[in-house]
Amino acid sequence: MRHSVLAAALAAAVVLVPVSAEAATTYKNCTALHKKYPHGVGMPGAKDKTSGTPVTSFKRSKALYQANKKSDRDKDKIACEKK
């Protein structure tokens, strides 16, 4: 009985949460971000605001966008979008 209580307590105490490396990556500016993500990063479902051909090949990641949203000048939920 004692071992089962201990095992249950340990199982309840250990919670594994997947952590993405993207979640902590904040880039200094768009030049730095473009080295890894040449077309920018945006929220899933975001659409580029442009009068020309919209960028659709940006990396979609809520965590990456939130870490770099300071670089979203036109507030379209895509930071550093570039063709």
C-alpha atoms as a PDB file:
ATOM      1  CA  MET A   1       0.000   0.000   0.000  1.00  0.00           C
ATOM      2  CA  ARG A   2       2.790   2.393   0.936  1.00  0.00           C
ATOM      3  CA  HIS A   3       4.535   1.956  -2.431  1.00  0.00           C
ATOM      4  CA  SER A   4       1.343   2.600  -4.389  1.00  0.00           C
ATOM      5  CA  VAL A   5       0.712   5.822  -2.463  1.00  0.00           C
ATOM      6  CA  LEU A   6       4.272   6.950  -3.126  1.00  0.00           C
ATOM      7  CA  ALA A   7       4.017   6.048  -6.822  1.00  0.00           C
ATOM      8  CA  ALA A   8       0.729   7.946  -7.119  1.00  0.00           C
ATOM      9  CA  ALA A   9       2.239  10.994  -5.410  1.00  0.00           C
ATOM     10  CA  LEU A  10       5.260  10.967  -7.724  1.00  0.00           C
ATOM     11  CA  ALA A  11       3.079  10.553 -10.805  1.00  0.00           C
ATOM     12  CA  ALA A  12       0.951  13.507  -9.743  1.00  0.00           C
ATOM     13  CA  ALA A  13       4.001  15.673  -8.995  1.00  0.00           C
ATOM     14  CA  VAL A  14       5.749  15.137 -12.329  1.00  0.00           C
ATOM     15  CA  VAL A  15       4.093  17.021 -15.144  1.00  0.00           C
ATOM     16  CA  LEU A  16       5.932  17.154 -18.423  1.00  0.00           C
ATOM     17  CA  VAL A  17       5.167  20.191 -20.517  1.00  0.00           C
ATOM     18  CA  PRO A  18       6.696  20.334 -23.971  1.00  0.00           C
ATOM     19  CA  VAL A  19       8.696  23.507 -24.353  1.00  0.00           C
ATOM     20  CA  SER A  20       9.507  24.749 -27.800  1.00  0.00           C
ATOM     21  CA  ALA A  21      12.797  26.485 -28.473  1.00  0.00           C
ATOM     22  CA  GLU A  22      10.747  28.982 -30.472  1.00  0.00           C
ATOM     23  CA  ALA A  23       8.911  30.142 -27.362  1.00  0.00           C
ATOM     24  CA  ALA A  24      11.969  31.886 -25.932  1.00  0.00           C
ATOM     25  CA  THR A  25      13.464  33.253 -29.153  1.00  0.00           C
ATOM     26  CA  THR A  26      13.189  37.018 -29.298  1.00  0.00           C
ATOM     27  CA  TYR A  27      15.163  38.598 -32.121  1.00  0.00           C
ATOM     28  CA  LYS A  28      16.785  42.033 -31.811  1.00  0.00           C
ATOM     29  CA  ASN A  29      15.429  43.186 -35.175  1.00  0.00           C
ATOM     30  CA  CYS A  30      14.096  41.950 -38.530  1.00  0.00           C
ATOM     31  CA  THR A  31      17.596  41.471 -39.946  1.00  0.00           C
ATOM     32  CA  ALA A  32      18.353  38.978 -37.176  1.00  0.00           C
ATOM     33  CA  LEU A  33      14.957  37.273 -37.507  1.00  0.00           C
ATOM     34  CA  HIS A  34      15.337  36.923 -41.301  1.00  0.00           C
ATOM     35  CA  LYS A  35      18.490  34.841 -40.842  1.00  0.00           C
ATOM     36  CA  LYS A  36      16.309  32.018 -39.496  1.00  0.00           C
ATOM     37  CA  TYR A  37      12.878  32.969 -40.936  1.00  0.00           C
ATOM     38  CA  PRO A  38      13.461  34.785 -44.259  1.00  0.00           C
ATOM     39  CA  HIS A  39       9.769  35.652 -44.770  1.00  0.00           C
ATOM     40  CA  GLY A  40       8.956  36.638 -41.163  1.00  0.00           C
ATOM     41  CA  VAL A  41       6.860  35.058 -38.421  1.00  0.00           C
ATOM     42  CA  GLY A  42       3.152  35.360 -37.817  1.00  0.00           C
ATOM     43  CA  MET A  43       0.145  34.057 -36.005  1.00  0.00           C
ATOM     44  CA  PRO A  44      -1.610  31.055 -37.531  1.00  0.00           C
ATOM     45  CA  GLY A  45      -4.334  32.436 -39.795  1.00  0.00           C
ATOM     46  CA  ALA A  46      -2.708  35.876 -40.213  1.00  0.00           C
ATOM     47  CA  LYS A  47      -2.941  37.609 -43.594  1.00  0.00           C
ATOM     48  CA  ASP A  48      -0.408  40.101 -44.901  1.00  0.00           C
ATOM     49  CA  LYS A  49      -1.742  43.646 -45.357  1.00  0.00           C
ATOM     50  CA  THR A  50      -0.392  44.886 -48.676  1.00  0.00           C
ATOM     51  CA  SER A  51      -1.543  46.501 -51.884  1.00  0.00           C
ATOM     52  CA  GLY A  52       0.719  44.104 -53.810  1.00  0.00           C
ATOM     53  CA  THR A  53       1.182  40.369 -53.621  1.00  0.00           C
ATOM     54  CA  PRO A  54       0.779  39.264 -49.995  1.00  0.00           C
ATOM     55  CA  VAL A  55       3.487  37.246 -48.264  1.00  0.00           C
ATOM     56  CA  THR A  56       2.136  33.774 -47.488  1.00  0.00           C
ATOM     57  CA  SER A  57       5.348  31.855 -46.818  1.00  0.00           C
ATOM     58  CA  PHE A  58       6.049  33.251 -43.339  1.00  0.00           C
ATOM     59  CA  LYS A  59       6.580  30.912 -40.360  1.00  0.00           C
ATOM     60  CA  ARG A  60       3.320  30.412 -38.474  1.00  0.00           C
ATOM     61  CA  SER A  61       3.867  30.257 -34.720  1.00  0.00           C
ATOM     62  CA  LYS A  62       1.934  31.951 -31.946  1.00  0.00           C
ATOM     63  CA  ALA A  63       4.906  31.760 -29.556  1.00  0.00           C
ATOM     64  CA  LEU A  64       7.412  33.182 -32.058  1.00  0.00           C
ATOM     65  CA  TYR A  65       5.056  35.956 -33.115  1.00  0.00           C
ATOM     66  CA  GLN A  66       4.349  36.980 -29.527  1.00  0.00           C
ATOM     67  CA  ALA A  67       8.059  37.061 -28.732  1.00  0.00           C
ATOM     68  CA  ASN A  68       8.669  39.351 -31.741  1.00  0.00           C
ATOM     69  CA  LYS A  69       5.429  41.313 -32.135  1.00  0.00           C
ATOM     70  CA  LYS A  70       7.347  44.550 -31.510  1.00  0.00           C
ATOM     71  CA  SER A  71       8.526  44.114 -35.107  1.00  0.00           C
ATOM     72  CA  ASP A  72       4.988  44.026 -36.544  1.00  0.00           C
ATOM     73  CA  ARG A  73       4.799  47.614 -37.780  1.00  0.00           C
ATOM     74  CA  ASP A  74       1.487  47.319 -39.648  1.00  0.00           C
ATOM     75  CA  LYS A  75      -0.216  45.271 -36.894  1.00  0.00           C
ATOM     76  CA  ASP A  76      -1.346  42.501 -39.258  1.00  0.00           C
ATOM     77  CA  LYS A  77      -0.128  39.726 -36.922  1.00  0.00           C
ATOM     78  CA  ILE A  78       2.986  39.081 -39.044  1.00  0.00           C
ATOM     79  CA  ALA A  79       6.346  40.362 -37.816  1.00  0.00           C
ATOM     80  CA  CYS A  80       9.056  41.176 -40.352  1.00  0.00           C
ATOM     81  CA  GLU A  81       7.122  39.905 -43.389  1.00  0.00           C
ATOM     82  CA  LYS A  82       9.231  39.905 -46.528  1.00  0.00           C
ATOM     83  CA  LYS A  83       8.918  38.303 -49.945  1.00  0.00           C
END
